[in-house]
Amino acid sequence: MANRDTKLIDMTPDGRFIEPPKPTLGMILLRLAAFGVFLAVGALVFWTMLFMLPVLILLGVIGYFVARGQMRRFR
C-alpha cells in the first residue's frame, strides 16, 4: 500500500486561499465568559479540596484508632 499524503490546500479556482471566518465580538465575549466560568469552578473545586483534605485525613486517623480500640475490646 502506498503512502498517501492527506494534506489539503483549500484554494479557489483563481488561486486565492479561502480564509476562515473571523470570530465576531459576541463570540469572543462568549468564549471569554465561558473560560471565566470554567476557571471559577476550577478554583472553587481546588479550594474545597484544599480545605477538606486535612479534615478527611484527620477523620481517617480517628476512625483507625476507634476501630483499633474496638478490636482490642472484643478480644
N, C-alpha and C. Protein backbone atom coordinates (compact mmCIF):
# COMPACT_ATOMS: atom_id res chain seq x y z
N MET A 1 0.85 -1.18 0.00
CA MET A 1 0.00 0.00 0.00
C MET A 1 0.89 1.24 0.00
N ALA A 2 0.58 2.16 -0.85
CA ALA A 2 1.39 3.36 -0.99
C ALA A 2 1.07 4.34 0.14
N ASN A 3 2.08 5.10 0.52
CA ASN A 3 1.88 6.16 1.50
C ASN A 3 1.12 7.28 0.83
N ARG A 4 0.00 7.68 1.42
CA ARG A 4 -0.80 8.75 0.82
C ARG A 4 -0.64 10.02 1.64
N ASP A 5 -0.35 11.09 0.98
CA ASP A 5 -0.26 12.39 1.63
C ASP A 5 -1.66 12.98 1.68
N THR A 6 -2.19 13.17 2.88
CA THR A 6 -3.58 13.62 3.02
C THR A 6 -3.70 15.12 3.28
N LYS A 7 -2.64 15.87 3.00
CA LYS A 7 -2.73 17.32 3.18
C LYS A 7 -3.64 17.91 2.12
N LEU A 8 -4.43 18.89 2.52
CA LEU A 8 -5.39 19.51 1.62
C LEU A 8 -5.15 21.01 1.62
N ILE A 9 -4.99 21.56 0.43
CA ILE A 9 -4.86 23.01 0.29
C ILE A 9 -6.21 23.53 -0.19
N ASP A 10 -6.81 24.39 0.60
CA ASP A 10 -8.14 24.91 0.29
C ASP A 10 -7.98 26.20 -0.51
N MET A 11 -8.13 26.10 -1.82
CA MET A 11 -7.96 27.25 -2.71
C MET A 11 -9.18 27.41 -3.61
N THR A 12 -9.40 28.62 -4.04
CA THR A 12 -10.43 28.89 -5.03
C THR A 12 -9.86 28.58 -6.42
N PRO A 13 -10.71 28.47 -7.43
CA PRO A 13 -10.19 28.18 -8.78
C PRO A 13 -9.24 29.24 -9.32
N ASP A 14 -9.36 30.49 -8.85
CA ASP A 14 -8.44 31.52 -9.36
C ASP A 14 -7.14 31.60 -8.57
N GLY A 15 -6.92 30.70 -7.58
CA GLY A 15 -5.63 30.62 -6.90
C GLY A 15 -5.56 31.31 -5.55
N ARG A 16 -6.65 31.88 -5.08
CA ARG A 16 -6.63 32.52 -3.76
C ARG A 16 -6.96 31.49 -2.68
N PHE A 17 -6.38 31.68 -1.50
CA PHE A 17 -6.69 30.80 -0.38
C PHE A 17 -8.00 31.21 0.25
N ILE A 18 -8.74 30.23 0.76
CA ILE A 18 -10.01 30.51 1.43
C ILE A 18 -9.70 30.84 2.89
N GLU A 19 -10.10 32.01 3.32
CA GLU A 19 -9.86 32.46 4.69
C GLU A 19 -10.96 31.94 5.59
N PRO A 20 -10.61 31.42 6.77
CA PRO A 20 -11.67 31.02 7.70
C PRO A 20 -12.39 32.27 8.21
N PRO A 21 -13.66 32.14 8.56
CA PRO A 21 -14.41 33.32 9.02
C PRO A 21 -13.84 33.86 10.33
N LYS A 22 -13.80 35.17 10.42
CA LYS A 22 -13.30 35.82 11.63
C LYS A 22 -14.37 35.75 12.72
N PRO A 23 -13.96 35.48 13.97
CA PRO A 23 -14.96 35.45 15.04
C PRO A 23 -15.50 36.84 15.33
N THR A 24 -16.79 36.90 15.62
CA THR A 24 -17.41 38.18 15.93
C THR A 24 -17.09 38.57 17.38
N LEU A 25 -17.38 39.81 17.70
CA LEU A 25 -17.14 40.29 19.06
C LEU A 25 -17.99 39.51 20.06
N GLY A 26 -19.20 39.15 19.68
CA GLY A 26 -20.07 38.37 20.56
C GLY A 26 -19.48 37.00 20.86
N MET A 27 -18.92 36.35 19.84
CA MET A 27 -18.32 35.04 20.05
C MET A 27 -17.08 35.14 20.94
N ILE A 28 -16.30 36.18 20.75
CA ILE A 28 -15.11 36.36 21.59
C ILE A 28 -15.52 36.57 23.05
N LEU A 29 -16.54 37.41 23.27
CA LEU A 29 -17.01 37.65 24.63
C LEU A 29 -17.62 36.40 25.24
N LEU A 30 -18.32 35.60 24.44
CA LEU A 30 -18.91 34.36 24.93
C LEU A 30 -17.82 33.37 25.33
N ARG A 31 -16.77 33.27 24.53
CA ARG A 31 -15.66 32.38 24.87
C ARG A 31 -14.94 32.84 26.13
N LEU A 32 -14.76 34.16 26.27
CA LEU A 32 -14.12 34.68 27.49
C LEU A 32 -14.99 34.42 28.72
N ALA A 33 -16.30 34.58 28.58
CA ALA A 33 -17.21 34.32 29.70
C ALA A 33 -17.18 32.84 30.08
N ALA A 34 -17.18 31.96 29.09
CA ALA A 34 -17.13 30.52 29.36
C ALA A 34 -15.81 30.16 30.04
N PHE A 35 -14.71 30.74 29.57
CA PHE A 35 -13.41 30.50 30.20
C PHE A 35 -13.41 30.98 31.64
N GLY A 36 -14.01 32.14 31.91
CA GLY A 36 -14.08 32.66 33.27
C GLY A 36 -14.90 31.76 34.18
N VAL A 37 -16.01 31.23 33.65
CA VAL A 37 -16.85 30.33 34.45
C VAL A 37 -16.08 29.05 34.77
N PHE A 38 -15.42 28.47 33.76
CA PHE A 38 -14.64 27.25 33.99
C PHE A 38 -13.49 27.50 34.97
N LEU A 39 -12.87 28.65 34.88
CA LEU A 39 -11.78 28.98 35.80
C LEU A 39 -12.31 29.14 37.22
N ALA A 40 -13.47 29.77 37.39
CA ALA A 40 -14.06 29.95 38.72
C ALA A 40 -14.47 28.60 39.31
N VAL A 41 -15.05 27.72 38.50
CA VAL A 41 -15.42 26.39 39.00
C VAL A 41 -14.18 25.60 39.39
N GLY A 42 -13.14 25.69 38.58
CA GLY A 42 -11.88 25.01 38.91
C GLY A 42 -11.27 25.52 40.20
N ALA A 43 -11.30 26.83 40.39
CA ALA A 43 -10.76 27.41 41.62
C ALA A 43 -11.59 26.99 42.83
N LEU A 44 -12.91 26.94 42.67
CA LEU A 44 -13.78 26.50 43.76
C LEU A 44 -13.51 25.04 44.14
N VAL A 45 -13.35 24.19 43.14
CA VAL A 45 -13.04 22.78 43.41
C VAL A 45 -11.68 22.66 44.09
N PHE A 46 -10.70 23.42 43.63
CA PHE A 46 -9.36 23.37 44.23
C PHE A 46 -9.38 23.80 45.69
N TRP A 47 -10.04 24.92 45.99
CA TRP A 47 -10.06 25.41 47.37
C TRP A 47 -10.88 24.50 48.28
N THR A 48 -11.95 23.92 47.75
CA THR A 48 -12.73 22.96 48.53
C THR A 48 -11.87 21.75 48.88
N MET A 49 -11.13 21.25 47.90
CA MET A 49 -10.25 20.12 48.15
C MET A 49 -9.15 20.49 49.14
N LEU A 50 -8.64 21.70 49.02
CA LEU A 50 -7.56 22.12 49.91
C LEU A 50 -8.01 22.19 51.36
N PHE A 51 -9.25 22.61 51.60
CA PHE A 51 -9.75 22.69 52.97
C PHE A 51 -10.30 21.36 53.48
N MET A 52 -10.81 20.51 52.58
CA MET A 52 -11.41 19.24 53.00
C MET A 52 -10.37 18.14 53.22
N LEU A 53 -9.25 18.19 52.54
CA LEU A 53 -8.25 17.12 52.65
C LEU A 53 -7.73 16.94 54.07
N PRO A 54 -7.33 17.99 54.79
CA PRO A 54 -6.88 17.76 56.18
C PRO A 54 -7.99 17.22 57.08
N VAL A 55 -9.23 17.66 56.85
CA VAL A 55 -10.35 17.15 57.65
C VAL A 55 -10.54 15.66 57.39
N LEU A 56 -10.48 15.25 56.13
CA LEU A 56 -10.66 13.84 55.80
C LEU A 56 -9.51 12.99 56.33
N ILE A 57 -8.30 13.51 56.29
CA ILE A 57 -7.16 12.76 56.85
C ILE A 57 -7.33 12.60 58.35
N LEU A 58 -7.73 13.67 59.04
CA LEU A 58 -7.95 13.60 60.48
C LEU A 58 -9.07 12.62 60.82
N LEU A 59 -10.16 12.63 60.08
CA LEU A 59 -11.24 11.68 60.31
C LEU A 59 -10.79 10.25 60.05
N GLY A 60 -9.94 10.04 59.08
CA GLY A 60 -9.41 8.71 58.81
C GLY A 60 -8.54 8.21 59.94
N VAL A 61 -7.69 9.08 60.49
CA VAL A 61 -6.84 8.68 61.62
C VAL A 61 -7.70 8.38 62.84
N ILE A 62 -8.69 9.21 63.12
CA ILE A 62 -9.58 8.97 64.26
C ILE A 62 -10.34 7.66 64.06
N GLY A 63 -10.83 7.42 62.86
CA GLY A 63 -11.54 6.17 62.58
C GLY A 63 -10.64 4.96 62.74
N TYR A 64 -9.39 5.09 62.36
CA TYR A 64 -8.45 3.97 62.52
C TYR A 64 -8.28 3.63 63.99
N PHE A 65 -8.06 4.65 64.83
CA PHE A 65 -7.85 4.38 66.25
C PHE A 65 -9.13 3.89 66.94
N VAL A 66 -10.29 4.35 66.52
CA VAL A 66 -11.55 3.86 67.07
C VAL A 66 -11.73 2.39 66.70
N ALA A 67 -11.49 2.05 65.45
CA ALA A 67 -11.62 0.65 65.02
C ALA A 67 -10.60 -0.24 65.73
N ARG A 68 -9.41 0.27 65.93
CA ARG A 68 -8.38 -0.49 66.64
C ARG A 68 -8.79 -0.72 68.09
N GLY A 69 -9.38 0.30 68.72
CA GLY A 69 -9.86 0.16 70.09
C GLY A 69 -11.01 -0.83 70.18
N GLN A 70 -11.90 -0.84 69.20
CA GLN A 70 -12.99 -1.80 69.19
C GLN A 70 -12.47 -3.23 69.05
N MET A 71 -11.46 -3.42 68.21
CA MET A 71 -10.89 -4.75 68.01
C MET A 71 -10.24 -5.24 69.31
N ARG A 72 -9.60 -4.35 70.05
CA ARG A 72 -8.96 -4.74 71.33
C ARG A 72 -10.01 -5.12 72.36
N ARG A 73 -11.15 -4.40 72.34
CA ARG A 73 -12.18 -4.66 73.34
C ARG A 73 -12.83 -6.01 73.11
N PHE A 74 -12.94 -6.46 71.86
CA PHE A 74 -13.59 -7.72 71.55
C PHE A 74 -12.70 -8.93 71.74
N ARG A 75 -11.43 -8.77 72.01
CA ARG A 75 -10.52 -9.90 72.20
C ARG A 75 -10.68 -10.52 73.54
